[in-house]
Amino acid sequence: MSVPEKRACIDPAQTQLSVSRQCELIGLPRSGYYRPGLQGESAENLGSDAVD
């Protein structure tokens, strides 16, 4: 399962399991839920545009 798929499984409205616990159960670091990261481009590619 990809990170975006795992992120979609988290239900913040769930009252019996915290977001932290849900992340733990599906193997997603909690920061992966709160910080989705870059979509489609890596950090390397973003930096090269500024130098060129």
Protein backbone atom coordinates (compact mmCIF):
# COMPACT_ATOMS: atom_id res chain seq x y z
CA MET A 1 0.00 0.00 0.00
CA SER A 2 1.42 3.40 -0.95
CA VAL A 3 1.74 6.33 1.44
CA PRO A 4 -1.15 8.26 -0.17
CA GLU A 5 -3.34 5.16 0.15
CA LYS A 6 -2.37 4.78 3.81
CA ARG A 7 -3.03 8.48 4.42
CA ALA A 8 -6.52 8.07 2.93
CA CYS A 9 -7.26 5.30 5.45
CA ILE A 10 -6.82 7.61 8.45
CA ASP A 11 -10.09 8.92 9.85
CA PRO A 12 -9.51 11.91 12.14
CA ALA A 13 -13.19 11.82 13.18
CA GLN A 14 -12.70 8.33 14.66
CA THR A 15 -13.33 8.63 18.39
CA GLN A 16 -12.06 5.24 19.55
CA LEU A 17 -8.63 5.42 17.91
CA SER A 18 -6.40 8.48 17.84
CA VAL A 19 -4.71 9.53 14.61
CA SER A 20 -1.41 8.41 16.15
CA ARG A 21 -2.77 4.93 16.86
CA GLN A 22 -4.33 4.61 13.40
CA CYS A 23 -0.99 5.55 11.83
CA GLU A 24 0.79 2.98 13.99
CA LEU A 25 -1.66 0.24 13.00
CA ILE A 26 -1.25 0.77 9.25
CA GLY A 27 2.50 1.39 9.38
CA LEU A 28 2.44 5.09 8.48
CA PRO A 29 4.71 7.42 10.43
CA ARG A 30 2.57 10.04 12.12
CA SER A 31 4.54 12.76 10.34
CA GLY A 32 3.52 11.11 7.06
CA TYR A 33 -0.08 11.91 7.86
CA TYR A 34 0.46 15.48 8.99
CA ARG A 35 3.12 16.32 6.40
CA PRO A 36 2.05 14.81 3.11
CA GLY A 37 5.31 15.83 1.41
CA LEU A 38 5.92 16.59 -2.22
CA GLN A 39 3.55 15.29 -4.85
CA GLY A 40 5.20 14.23 -8.09
CA GLU A 41 8.57 15.95 -7.72
CA SER A 42 11.48 15.29 -5.46
CA ALA A 43 13.21 17.92 -3.39
CA GLU A 44 16.29 17.50 -5.61
CA ASN A 45 14.42 18.57 -8.72
CA LEU A 46 12.96 21.65 -7.04
CA GLY A 47 16.41 22.89 -6.02
CA SER A 48 17.90 22.50 -9.51
CA ASP A 49 15.44 25.00 -11.00
CA ALA A 50 16.69 27.74 -8.70
CA VAL A 51 20.34 27.14 -9.66
CA ASP A 52 19.83 27.05 -13.43
